[in-house]
Amino acid sequence: METEPFRIDKKVMNRLRMYVAQKAAGRVYGEIGATVEKAINEYLYKEENCSKMTLTKRMNMNSFNKYVDVKPNDEGGVVWLHPVFKGHVNEEEDLILIRAGDNKIKLTIRANDKEIENETEIQLFIENYPIYHNKEHVGDCLYEELKNGITIMKEVRIPVHKALSIYVKNYVGNEIHAENIIFQVDFCPGKPIV
């Protein structure tokens, strides 16, 4: 029986190796046969105990406020999506996962009581939380795309003490407000495998 060649992304392979090592008390062993990248990812999502969540401002505000901060800053940052750090001795850290091409982010933004222009550039970063710095760029879009709902084109994993931040480039220094927020994410209660 003839098999087709396949390629597994280095990051995905590293995730799998780390997972196997963790399960085997530090030993990395075994072989991977002709398995597609999607199957490996699905297996890992299941093993990491991820479950889908939708976070909106319309839901219970206490739940929403646990994971989402809406605070304008001087650099144009408006929204921060972050996992909750439980901080208790026997509890593991949380992880928020945004799957590539799957989970949607939707946001309405206003400045000076008026919705911002459709052509406004929006930038997405992963950065330290709650002290915002050390930005890692994860995507760009126009405001029109964001308000209609965008999907991230590469997987974003947000561990404790990090956040997905959304910046409005052309409105730096203005008072900006976010409304009608929808984050469709996977919430993984357990220590993130990096």
N, C-alpha and C. Protein backbone atom coordinates (compact mmCIF):
# COMPACT_ATOMS: atom_id res chain seq x y z
N MET A 1 0.84 -1.19 0.00
CA MET A 1 0.00 0.00 0.00
C MET A 1 0.88 1.26 0.00
N GLU A 2 0.62 2.14 -0.91
CA GLU A 2 1.43 3.34 -1.05
C GLU A 2 0.90 4.44 -0.14
N THR A 3 1.81 5.16 0.52
CA THR A 3 1.39 6.26 1.37
C THR A 3 1.87 7.57 0.78
N GLU A 4 1.13 8.64 1.06
CA GLU A 4 1.51 9.96 0.57
C GLU A 4 2.46 10.61 1.56
N PRO A 5 3.43 11.41 1.08
CA PRO A 5 4.31 12.11 2.01
C PRO A 5 3.51 13.16 2.80
N PHE A 6 3.95 13.43 4.01
CA PHE A 6 3.27 14.43 4.83
C PHE A 6 4.31 15.21 5.61
N ARG A 7 3.91 16.37 6.09
CA ARG A 7 4.81 17.23 6.85
C ARG A 7 4.06 17.74 8.07
N ILE A 8 4.70 17.69 9.21
CA ILE A 8 4.11 18.19 10.45
C ILE A 8 4.89 19.43 10.86
N ASP A 9 4.17 20.52 11.11
CA ASP A 9 4.78 21.77 11.53
C ASP A 9 5.65 21.56 12.78
N LYS A 10 6.78 22.25 12.84
CA LYS A 10 7.73 22.08 13.94
C LYS A 10 7.10 22.38 15.30
N LYS A 11 6.27 23.42 15.37
CA LYS A 11 5.61 23.76 16.63
C LYS A 11 4.67 22.66 17.09
N VAL A 12 3.92 22.11 16.14
CA VAL A 12 2.98 21.03 16.47
C VAL A 12 3.75 19.82 16.96
N MET A 13 4.84 19.48 16.28
CA MET A 13 5.66 18.35 16.67
C MET A 13 6.23 18.56 18.06
N ASN A 14 6.68 19.78 18.36
CA ASN A 14 7.23 20.07 19.67
C ASN A 14 6.16 19.93 20.75
N ARG A 15 4.95 20.40 20.47
CA ARG A 15 3.84 20.22 21.42
C ARG A 15 3.63 18.76 21.73
N LEU A 16 3.62 17.94 20.68
CA LEU A 16 3.39 16.51 20.87
C LEU A 16 4.53 15.89 21.68
N ARG A 17 5.78 16.25 21.36
CA ARG A 17 6.92 15.71 22.10
C ARG A 17 6.86 16.11 23.57
N MET A 18 6.51 17.38 23.84
CA MET A 18 6.41 17.85 25.22
C MET A 18 5.30 17.12 25.97
N TYR A 19 4.19 16.89 25.29
CA TYR A 19 3.08 16.18 25.91
C TYR A 19 3.48 14.76 26.27
N VAL A 20 4.12 14.07 25.32
CA VAL A 20 4.57 12.69 25.57
C VAL A 20 5.58 12.67 26.71
N ALA A 21 6.50 13.63 26.71
CA ALA A 21 7.52 13.69 27.77
C ALA A 21 6.87 13.91 29.13
N GLN A 22 5.88 14.77 29.17
CA GLN A 22 5.19 15.05 30.43
C GLN A 22 4.49 13.80 30.95
N LYS A 23 3.83 13.07 30.05
CA LYS A 23 3.11 11.86 30.43
C LYS A 23 4.06 10.74 30.83
N ALA A 24 5.31 10.77 30.31
CA ALA A 24 6.25 9.68 30.53
C ALA A 24 7.38 10.09 31.47
N ALA A 25 7.08 10.98 32.40
CA ALA A 25 8.04 11.43 33.41
C ALA A 25 9.37 11.89 32.80
N GLY A 26 9.28 12.64 31.69
CA GLY A 26 10.48 13.24 31.10
C GLY A 26 11.10 12.45 29.96
N ARG A 27 10.65 11.23 29.74
CA ARG A 27 11.22 10.43 28.66
C ARG A 27 10.43 10.68 27.37
N VAL A 28 11.13 10.97 26.28
CA VAL A 28 10.51 11.14 24.97
C VAL A 28 10.75 9.87 24.18
N TYR A 29 9.68 9.22 23.75
CA TYR A 29 9.85 7.97 23.03
C TYR A 29 8.71 7.79 22.01
N GLY A 30 8.79 6.74 21.25
CA GLY A 30 7.71 6.41 20.32
C GLY A 30 7.96 7.00 18.95
N GLU A 31 7.15 6.59 18.00
CA GLU A 31 7.26 7.05 16.62
C GLU A 31 5.90 7.54 16.16
N ILE A 32 5.92 8.46 15.19
CA ILE A 32 4.69 8.95 14.59
C ILE A 32 4.58 8.36 13.20
N GLY A 33 3.49 7.72 12.92
CA GLY A 33 3.26 7.18 11.59
C GLY A 33 2.70 8.26 10.68
N ALA A 34 1.99 7.83 9.64
CA ALA A 34 1.45 8.78 8.66
C ALA A 34 0.19 9.44 9.24
N THR A 35 0.40 10.39 10.16
CA THR A 35 -0.71 11.07 10.84
C THR A 35 -0.72 12.54 10.42
N VAL A 36 -1.86 13.03 10.08
CA VAL A 36 -1.92 14.42 9.64
C VAL A 36 -1.87 15.38 10.82
N GLU A 37 -1.41 16.60 10.54
CA GLU A 37 -1.27 17.62 11.58
C GLU A 37 -2.59 17.88 12.30
N LYS A 38 -3.68 17.90 11.56
CA LYS A 38 -4.99 18.18 12.18
C LYS A 38 -5.34 17.13 13.22
N ALA A 39 -5.07 15.89 12.93
CA ALA A 39 -5.38 14.81 13.87
C ALA A 39 -4.56 14.95 15.15
N ILE A 40 -3.29 15.34 15.01
CA ILE A 40 -2.45 15.53 16.19
C ILE A 40 -2.99 16.67 17.04
N ASN A 41 -3.32 17.78 16.38
CA ASN A 41 -3.87 18.92 17.12
C ASN A 41 -5.16 18.56 17.84
N GLU A 42 -6.07 17.86 17.16
CA GLU A 42 -7.34 17.48 17.78
C GLU A 42 -7.10 16.60 19.00
N TYR A 43 -6.14 15.69 18.88
CA TYR A 43 -5.79 14.81 19.99
C TYR A 43 -5.29 15.64 21.18
N LEU A 44 -4.40 16.59 20.89
CA LEU A 44 -3.85 17.41 21.96
C LEU A 44 -4.91 18.29 22.60
N TYR A 45 -5.82 18.86 21.81
CA TYR A 45 -6.89 19.68 22.39
C TYR A 45 -7.72 18.85 23.37
N LYS A 46 -8.00 17.62 22.97
CA LYS A 46 -8.80 16.74 23.83
C LYS A 46 -8.03 16.42 25.11
N GLU A 47 -6.74 16.08 24.95
CA GLU A 47 -5.93 15.72 26.11
C GLU A 47 -5.73 16.91 27.04
N GLU A 48 -5.66 18.11 26.48
CA GLU A 48 -5.48 19.30 27.30
C GLU A 48 -6.79 19.75 27.94
N ASN A 49 -7.87 19.04 27.65
CA ASN A 49 -9.17 19.30 28.27
C ASN A 49 -9.71 20.68 27.92
N CYS A 50 -9.60 21.07 26.64
CA CYS A 50 -10.11 22.36 26.20
C CYS A 50 -11.60 22.26 25.91
N SER A 51 -12.33 23.30 26.27
CA SER A 51 -13.75 23.36 25.94
C SER A 51 -14.07 24.74 25.39
N LYS A 52 -15.00 24.80 24.44
CA LYS A 52 -15.33 26.07 23.78
C LYS A 52 -16.08 27.01 24.72
N MET A 53 -15.74 28.29 24.62
CA MET A 53 -16.44 29.32 25.38
C MET A 53 -16.72 30.50 24.46
N THR A 54 -17.79 31.20 24.71
CA THR A 54 -18.05 32.47 24.04
C THR A 54 -18.14 33.53 25.14
N LEU A 55 -17.27 34.53 25.06
CA LEU A 55 -17.26 35.63 26.03
C LEU A 55 -17.85 36.86 25.37
N THR A 56 -18.91 37.40 25.96
CA THR A 56 -19.51 38.63 25.44
C THR A 56 -19.82 39.56 26.61
N LYS A 57 -20.00 40.84 26.31
CA LYS A 57 -20.38 41.79 27.36
C LYS A 57 -21.82 41.56 27.82
N ARG A 58 -22.59 40.83 27.02
CA ARG A 58 -23.99 40.60 27.38
C ARG A 58 -24.15 39.50 28.42
N MET A 59 -23.13 38.64 28.55
CA MET A 59 -23.23 37.56 29.52
C MET A 59 -23.02 38.11 30.92
N ASN A 60 -23.08 37.26 31.92
CA ASN A 60 -22.85 37.65 33.30
C ASN A 60 -21.56 38.46 33.40
N MET A 61 -21.66 39.69 33.84
CA MET A 61 -20.51 40.60 33.84
C MET A 61 -19.36 40.09 34.70
N ASN A 62 -19.68 39.37 35.80
CA ASN A 62 -18.61 38.83 36.64
C ASN A 62 -17.77 37.83 35.86
N SER A 63 -18.41 36.96 35.06
CA SER A 63 -17.66 35.99 34.24
C SER A 63 -16.87 36.71 33.16
N PHE A 64 -17.51 37.65 32.49
CA PHE A 64 -16.84 38.40 31.42
C PHE A 64 -15.61 39.13 31.95
N ASN A 65 -15.78 39.79 33.09
CA ASN A 65 -14.71 40.60 33.67
C ASN A 65 -13.54 39.76 34.18
N LYS A 66 -13.76 38.47 34.40
CA LYS A 66 -12.66 37.59 34.80
C LYS A 66 -11.64 37.45 33.68
N TYR A 67 -12.12 37.42 32.43
CA TYR A 67 -11.26 37.11 31.29
C TYR A 67 -10.97 38.28 30.36
N VAL A 68 -11.75 39.34 30.43
CA VAL A 68 -11.61 40.44 29.48
C VAL A 68 -11.50 41.77 30.22
N ASP A 69 -10.47 42.54 29.86
CA ASP A 69 -10.33 43.91 30.36
C ASP A 69 -10.56 44.87 29.20
N VAL A 70 -11.41 45.85 29.43
CA VAL A 70 -11.66 46.88 28.41
C VAL A 70 -11.19 48.19 29.01
N LYS A 71 -9.91 48.53 28.75
CA LYS A 71 -9.31 49.72 29.34
C LYS A 71 -8.48 50.43 28.28
N PRO A 72 -8.92 51.58 27.82
CA PRO A 72 -8.10 52.34 26.86
C PRO A 72 -6.77 52.74 27.49
N ASN A 73 -5.70 52.74 26.69
CA ASN A 73 -4.42 53.27 27.17
C ASN A 73 -3.84 54.23 26.14
N ASP A 74 -2.75 54.86 26.49
CA ASP A 74 -2.17 55.92 25.66
C ASP A 74 -1.58 55.41 24.35
N GLU A 75 -1.37 54.10 24.23
CA GLU A 75 -0.77 53.55 23.02
C GLU A 75 -1.83 53.05 22.04
N GLY A 76 -3.10 53.24 22.36
CA GLY A 76 -4.17 52.80 21.47
C GLY A 76 -4.74 51.45 21.81
N GLY A 77 -4.26 50.83 22.90
CA GLY A 77 -4.79 49.54 23.33
C GLY A 77 -6.19 49.69 23.90
N VAL A 78 -7.08 48.75 23.57
CA VAL A 78 -8.47 48.86 24.02
C VAL A 78 -8.91 47.64 24.82
N VAL A 79 -8.61 46.45 24.33
CA VAL A 79 -9.15 45.22 24.93
C VAL A 79 -8.01 44.24 25.21
N TRP A 80 -8.11 43.56 26.35
CA TRP A 80 -7.16 42.51 26.70
C TRP A 80 -7.93 41.26 27.10
N LEU A 81 -7.66 40.17 26.40
CA LEU A 81 -8.25 38.87 26.72
C LEU A 81 -7.16 38.05 27.42
N HIS A 82 -7.44 37.58 28.63
CA HIS A 82 -6.40 36.91 29.41
C HIS A 82 -6.98 35.76 30.22
N PRO A 83 -6.17 34.73 30.51
CA PRO A 83 -6.64 33.65 31.36
C PRO A 83 -6.63 34.06 32.83
N VAL A 84 -7.33 33.31 33.64
CA VAL A 84 -7.41 33.60 35.07
C VAL A 84 -6.33 32.79 35.78
N PHE A 85 -5.56 33.45 36.63
CA PHE A 85 -4.57 32.75 37.44
C PHE A 85 -5.21 32.44 38.78
N LYS A 86 -5.38 31.15 39.07
CA LYS A 86 -6.03 30.77 40.32
C LYS A 86 -5.13 31.07 41.51
N GLY A 87 -3.85 30.72 41.37
CA GLY A 87 -2.90 31.11 42.39
C GLY A 87 -2.87 30.25 43.64
N HIS A 88 -3.75 29.24 43.74
CA HIS A 88 -3.75 28.39 44.92
C HIS A 88 -2.70 27.29 44.75
N VAL A 89 -2.20 26.78 45.84
CA VAL A 89 -1.07 25.85 45.82
C VAL A 89 -1.33 24.62 44.95
N ASN A 90 -2.49 24.01 45.06
CA ASN A 90 -2.76 22.76 44.35
C ASN A 90 -3.49 22.93 43.03
N GLU A 91 -3.71 24.17 42.61
CA GLU A 91 -4.44 24.39 41.37
C GLU A 91 -3.48 24.73 40.23
N GLU A 92 -3.83 24.25 39.04
CA GLU A 92 -2.99 24.52 37.87
C GLU A 92 -3.41 25.83 37.22
N GLU A 93 -2.52 26.37 36.40
CA GLU A 93 -2.81 27.59 35.67
C GLU A 93 -3.78 27.31 34.53
N ASP A 94 -4.44 28.36 34.07
CA ASP A 94 -5.36 28.26 32.95
C ASP A 94 -4.67 28.65 31.64
N LEU A 95 -5.34 28.35 30.54
CA LEU A 95 -4.84 28.69 29.22
C LEU A 95 -6.04 29.03 28.34
N ILE A 96 -5.93 30.10 27.55
CA ILE A 96 -6.95 30.40 26.54
C ILE A 96 -6.33 30.11 25.18
N LEU A 97 -7.07 29.37 24.37
CA LEU A 97 -6.60 28.96 23.06
C LEU A 97 -7.53 29.53 21.99
N ILE A 98 -6.97 30.19 21.00
CA ILE A 98 -7.74 30.64 19.84
C ILE A 98 -7.26 29.80 18.66
N ARG A 99 -8.11 28.92 18.17
CA ARG A 99 -7.70 28.02 17.10
C ARG A 99 -7.65 28.76 15.77
N ALA A 100 -6.66 28.45 14.99
CA ALA A 100 -6.47 29.10 13.69
C ALA A 100 -7.64 28.77 12.77
N GLY A 101 -8.19 29.82 12.15
CA GLY A 101 -9.25 29.65 11.16
C GLY A 101 -10.54 29.10 11.72
N ASP A 102 -10.72 29.17 13.05
CA ASP A 102 -11.89 28.54 13.66
C ASP A 102 -12.65 29.53 14.54
N ASN A 103 -12.03 29.95 15.63
CA ASN A 103 -12.73 30.81 16.59
C ASN A 103 -12.75 32.27 16.13
N LYS A 104 -13.89 32.91 16.35
CA LYS A 104 -14.11 34.26 15.83
C LYS A 104 -13.93 35.33 16.91
N ILE A 105 -13.41 36.49 16.50
CA ILE A 105 -13.33 37.67 17.37
C ILE A 105 -14.11 38.79 16.70
N LYS A 106 -14.99 39.40 17.46
CA LYS A 106 -15.86 40.46 16.91
C LYS A 106 -15.90 41.60 17.93
N LEU A 107 -15.81 42.83 17.42
CA LEU A 107 -15.68 43.96 18.33
C LEU A 107 -16.15 45.24 17.66
N THR A 108 -16.94 46.04 18.38
CA THR A 108 -17.32 47.38 17.92
C THR A 108 -16.55 48.40 18.75
N ILE A 109 -15.93 49.37 18.10
CA ILE A 109 -15.10 50.35 18.80
C ILE A 109 -15.58 51.77 18.48
N ARG A 110 -15.65 52.59 19.54
CA ARG A 110 -16.06 53.99 19.38
C ARG A 110 -14.97 54.91 19.93
N ALA A 111 -14.83 56.07 19.30
CA ALA A 111 -13.94 57.13 19.79
C ALA A 111 -14.71 58.44 19.69
N ASN A 112 -14.68 59.21 20.77
CA ASN A 112 -15.41 60.49 20.81
C ASN A 112 -16.87 60.31 20.42
N ASP A 113 -17.54 59.31 21.02
CA ASP A 113 -18.97 59.03 20.80
C ASP A 113 -19.33 58.71 19.37
N LYS A 114 -18.35 58.28 18.57
CA LYS A 114 -18.61 57.96 17.17
C LYS A 114 -17.82 56.71 16.81
N GLU A 115 -18.45 55.82 16.03
CA GLU A 115 -17.75 54.61 15.64
C GLU A 115 -16.53 54.97 14.79
N ILE A 116 -15.41 54.25 14.99
CA ILE A 116 -14.20 54.57 14.25
C ILE A 116 -14.36 54.21 12.77
N GLU A 117 -13.47 54.75 11.94
CA GLU A 117 -13.55 54.54 10.49
C GLU A 117 -13.29 53.09 10.10
N ASN A 118 -13.99 52.60 9.09
CA ASN A 118 -13.84 51.21 8.62
C ASN A 118 -12.41 50.89 8.20
N GLU A 119 -11.68 51.87 7.67
CA GLU A 119 -10.32 51.63 7.15
C GLU A 119 -9.25 51.69 8.24
N THR A 120 -9.65 51.91 9.49
CA THR A 120 -8.69 51.99 10.58
C THR A 120 -7.95 50.67 10.75
N GLU A 121 -6.63 50.74 10.88
CA GLU A 121 -5.82 49.54 11.08
C GLU A 121 -5.91 49.08 12.52
N ILE A 122 -6.11 47.78 12.69
CA ILE A 122 -6.17 47.15 14.01
C ILE A 122 -4.99 46.18 14.10
N GLN A 123 -4.32 46.17 15.24
CA GLN A 123 -3.21 45.25 15.44
C GLN A 123 -3.49 44.37 16.66
N LEU A 124 -3.12 43.09 16.56
CA LEU A 124 -3.29 42.16 17.65
C LEU A 124 -1.93 41.67 18.12
N PHE A 125 -1.75 41.65 19.45
CA PHE A 125 -0.48 41.24 20.05
C PHE A 125 -0.73 40.28 21.21
N ILE A 126 0.26 39.46 21.51
CA ILE A 126 0.32 38.80 22.81
C ILE A 126 1.36 39.58 23.61
N GLU A 127 0.99 39.97 24.83
CA GLU A 127 1.93 40.73 25.64
C GLU A 127 1.74 40.41 27.12
N ASN A 128 2.69 40.85 27.93
CA ASN A 128 2.62 40.60 29.37
C ASN A 128 1.36 41.24 29.95
N TYR A 129 0.80 40.60 30.98
CA TYR A 129 -0.39 41.11 31.64
C TYR A 129 -0.21 40.91 33.14
N PRO A 130 -0.53 41.93 33.95
CA PRO A 130 -1.22 43.19 33.65
C PRO A 130 -0.30 44.34 33.29
N ILE A 131 1.02 44.13 33.32
CA ILE A 131 1.94 45.20 32.90
C ILE A 131 2.20 44.98 31.42
N TYR A 132 1.68 45.87 30.58
CA TYR A 132 1.68 45.65 29.14
C TYR A 132 3.02 46.04 28.51
N HIS A 133 3.78 45.04 28.10
CA HIS A 133 5.00 45.24 27.31
C HIS A 133 5.44 43.89 26.77
N ASN A 134 6.57 43.86 26.08
CA ASN A 134 7.05 42.64 25.41
C ASN A 134 6.00 42.11 24.43
N LYS A 135 5.65 42.92 23.45
CA LYS A 135 4.60 42.56 22.49
C LYS A 135 5.09 41.57 21.45
N GLU A 136 4.27 40.57 21.19
CA GLU A 136 4.51 39.63 20.09
C GLU A 136 3.35 39.78 19.11
N HIS A 137 3.65 40.23 17.91
CA HIS A 137 2.62 40.51 16.90
C HIS A 137 1.96 39.21 16.44
N VAL A 138 0.61 39.15 16.45
CA VAL A 138 -0.08 37.93 15.98
C VAL A 138 -1.06 38.19 14.84
N GLY A 139 -1.30 39.45 14.48
CA GLY A 139 -2.20 39.68 13.37
C GLY A 139 -2.57 41.14 13.15
N ASP A 140 -3.07 41.42 11.95
CA ASP A 140 -3.55 42.75 11.56
C ASP A 140 -4.89 42.58 10.85
N CYS A 141 -5.70 43.60 10.91
CA CYS A 141 -6.93 43.62 10.11
C CYS A 141 -7.41 45.06 10.03
N LEU A 142 -8.41 45.30 9.22
CA LEU A 142 -9.09 46.59 9.21
C LEU A 142 -10.26 46.52 10.18
N TYR A 143 -10.65 47.69 10.69
CA TYR A 143 -11.75 47.72 11.64
C TYR A 143 -13.02 47.09 11.06
N GLU A 144 -13.28 47.31 9.78
CA GLU A 144 -14.47 46.74 9.15
C GLU A 144 -14.50 45.22 9.30
N GLU A 145 -13.33 44.58 9.16
CA GLU A 145 -13.24 43.13 9.32
C GLU A 145 -13.49 42.72 10.77
N LEU A 146 -12.91 43.48 11.71
CA LEU A 146 -13.06 43.15 13.12
C LEU A 146 -14.50 43.28 13.59
N LYS A 147 -15.19 44.34 13.16
CA LYS A 147 -16.57 44.52 13.63
C LYS A 147 -17.52 43.50 13.02
N ASN A 148 -17.14 42.92 11.85
CA ASN A 148 -17.97 41.88 11.24
C ASN A 148 -17.56 40.48 11.70
N GLY A 149 -16.44 40.38 12.40
CA GLY A 149 -15.97 39.11 12.92
C GLY A 149 -14.82 38.56 12.12
N ILE A 150 -13.66 38.42 12.76
CA ILE A 150 -12.49 37.87 12.08
C ILE A 150 -12.10 36.54 12.71
N THR A 151 -11.37 35.73 11.96
CA THR A 151 -10.75 34.54 12.53
C THR A 151 -9.24 34.72 12.46
N ILE A 152 -8.56 34.28 13.49
CA ILE A 152 -7.10 34.37 13.53
C ILE A 152 -6.51 33.32 12.60
N MET A 153 -5.50 33.68 11.84
CA MET A 153 -4.97 32.76 10.84
C MET A 153 -3.85 31.86 11.37
N LYS A 154 -3.39 32.11 12.60
CA LYS A 154 -2.48 31.15 13.21
C LYS A 154 -2.91 30.94 14.66
N GLU A 155 -2.65 29.75 15.18
CA GLU A 155 -3.09 29.43 16.54
C GLU A 155 -2.47 30.39 17.54
N VAL A 156 -3.30 30.86 18.47
CA VAL A 156 -2.82 31.74 19.53
C VAL A 156 -3.09 31.06 20.87
N ARG A 157 -2.03 30.87 21.64
CA ARG A 157 -2.13 30.27 22.96
C ARG A 157 -1.78 31.35 23.98
N ILE A 158 -2.72 31.64 24.88
CA ILE A 158 -2.52 32.72 25.85
C ILE A 158 -2.37 32.10 27.24
N PRO A 159 -1.12 32.01 27.75
CA PRO A 159 -0.93 31.46 29.09
C PRO A 159 -1.16 32.54 30.16
N VAL A 160 -1.11 32.11 31.41
CA VAL A 160 -1.24 33.03 32.54
C VAL A 160 -0.14 34.09 32.47
N HIS A 161 -0.49 35.28 32.88
CA HIS A 161 0.40 36.46 32.88
C HIS A 161 0.68 36.98 31.47
N LYS A 162 -0.12 36.54 30.48
CA LYS A 162 -0.08 37.08 29.12
C LYS A 162 -1.51 37.45 28.74
N ALA A 163 -1.65 38.26 27.69
CA ALA A 163 -2.98 38.63 27.21
C ALA A 163 -2.93 38.84 25.71
N LEU A 164 -4.05 38.59 25.06
CA LEU A 164 -4.22 39.02 23.67
C LEU A 164 -4.70 40.46 23.73
N SER A 165 -3.93 41.37 23.14
CA SER A 165 -4.30 42.78 23.18
C SER A 165 -4.69 43.26 21.79
N ILE A 166 -5.68 44.13 21.75
CA ILE A 166 -6.18 44.69 20.49
C ILE A 166 -5.92 46.20 20.50
N TYR A 167 -5.14 46.65 19.52
CA TYR A 167 -4.72 48.06 19.45
C TYR A 167 -5.34 48.73 18.23
N VAL A 168 -5.78 49.96 18.42
CA VAL A 168 -6.34 50.78 17.35
C VAL A 168 -5.28 51.80 16.97
N LYS A 169 -4.61 51.53 15.86
CA LYS A 169 -3.39 52.25 15.50
C LYS A 169 -3.59 53.75 15.30
N ASN A 170 -4.63 54.15 14.59
CA ASN A 170 -4.79 55.55 14.20
C ASN A 170 -5.44 56.43 15.26
N TYR A 171 -5.78 55.85 16.40
CA TYR A 171 -6.48 56.63 17.43
C TYR A 171 -5.68 56.71 18.73
N VAL A 172 -4.37 56.63 18.62
CA VAL A 172 -3.51 56.71 19.81
C VAL A 172 -3.74 58.04 20.51
N GLY A 173 -3.92 57.99 21.83
CA GLY A 173 -4.13 59.21 22.60
C GLY A 173 -5.58 59.61 22.75
N ASN A 174 -6.47 59.00 21.97
CA ASN A 174 -7.91 59.30 22.10
C ASN A 174 -8.57 58.36 23.09
N GLU A 175 -9.69 58.81 23.63
CA GLU A 175 -10.49 57.96 24.52
C GLU A 175 -11.28 56.99 23.65
N ILE A 176 -10.97 55.71 23.74
CA ILE A 176 -11.58 54.70 22.88
C ILE A 176 -12.40 53.75 23.75
N HIS A 177 -13.55 53.34 23.24
CA HIS A 177 -14.42 52.43 23.99
C HIS A 177 -14.79 51.23 23.12
N ALA A 178 -14.78 50.06 23.73
CA ALA A 178 -15.14 48.83 23.02
C ALA A 178 -16.55 48.40 23.43
N GLU A 179 -17.33 47.98 22.45
CA GLU A 179 -18.69 47.53 22.69
C GLU A 179 -18.93 46.25 21.89
N ASN A 180 -20.02 45.56 22.23
CA ASN A 180 -20.44 44.37 21.48
C ASN A 180 -19.29 43.41 21.24
N ILE A 181 -18.62 43.06 22.31
CA ILE A 181 -17.45 42.19 22.22
C ILE A 181 -17.88 40.73 22.18
N ILE A 182 -17.33 39.98 21.23
CA ILE A 182 -17.53 38.52 21.19
C ILE A 182 -16.18 37.86 20.95
N PHE A 183 -15.73 37.04 21.89
CA PHE A 183 -14.56 36.19 21.72
C PHE A 183 -15.05 34.75 21.74
N GLN A 184 -14.82 34.01 20.66
CA GLN A 184 -15.06 32.57 20.69
C GLN A 184 -13.70 31.93 20.86
N VAL A 185 -13.50 31.29 21.99
CA VAL A 185 -12.19 30.74 22.34
C VAL A 185 -12.36 29.33 22.90
N ASP A 186 -11.23 28.65 23.05
CA ASP A 186 -11.20 27.39 23.81
C ASP A 186 -10.53 27.68 25.13
N PHE A 187 -11.20 27.27 26.19
CA PHE A 187 -10.69 27.49 27.54
C PHE A 187 -10.14 26.15 28.04
N CYS A 188 -8.86 26.15 28.43
CA CYS A 188 -8.19 24.90 28.84
C CYS A 188 -7.80 25.00 30.30
N PRO A 189 -8.59 24.42 31.20
CA PRO A 189 -8.22 24.46 32.61
C PRO A 189 -7.10 23.48 32.87
N GLY A 190 -5.89 23.96 32.99
CA GLY A 190 -4.75 23.10 33.19
C GLY A 190 -3.50 23.82 32.74
N LYS A 191 -2.36 23.37 33.22
CA LYS A 191 -1.11 24.05 32.91
C LYS A 191 -0.85 24.00 31.41
N PRO A 192 -0.57 25.15 30.78
CA PRO A 192 -0.32 25.15 29.33
C PRO A 192 0.94 24.40 28.98
N ILE A 193 0.87 23.64 27.90
CA ILE A 193 2.04 22.96 27.36
C ILE A 193 2.63 23.88 26.30
N VAL A 194 3.85 24.33 26.52
CA VAL A 194 4.45 25.31 25.61
C VAL A 194 5.51 24.62 24.75
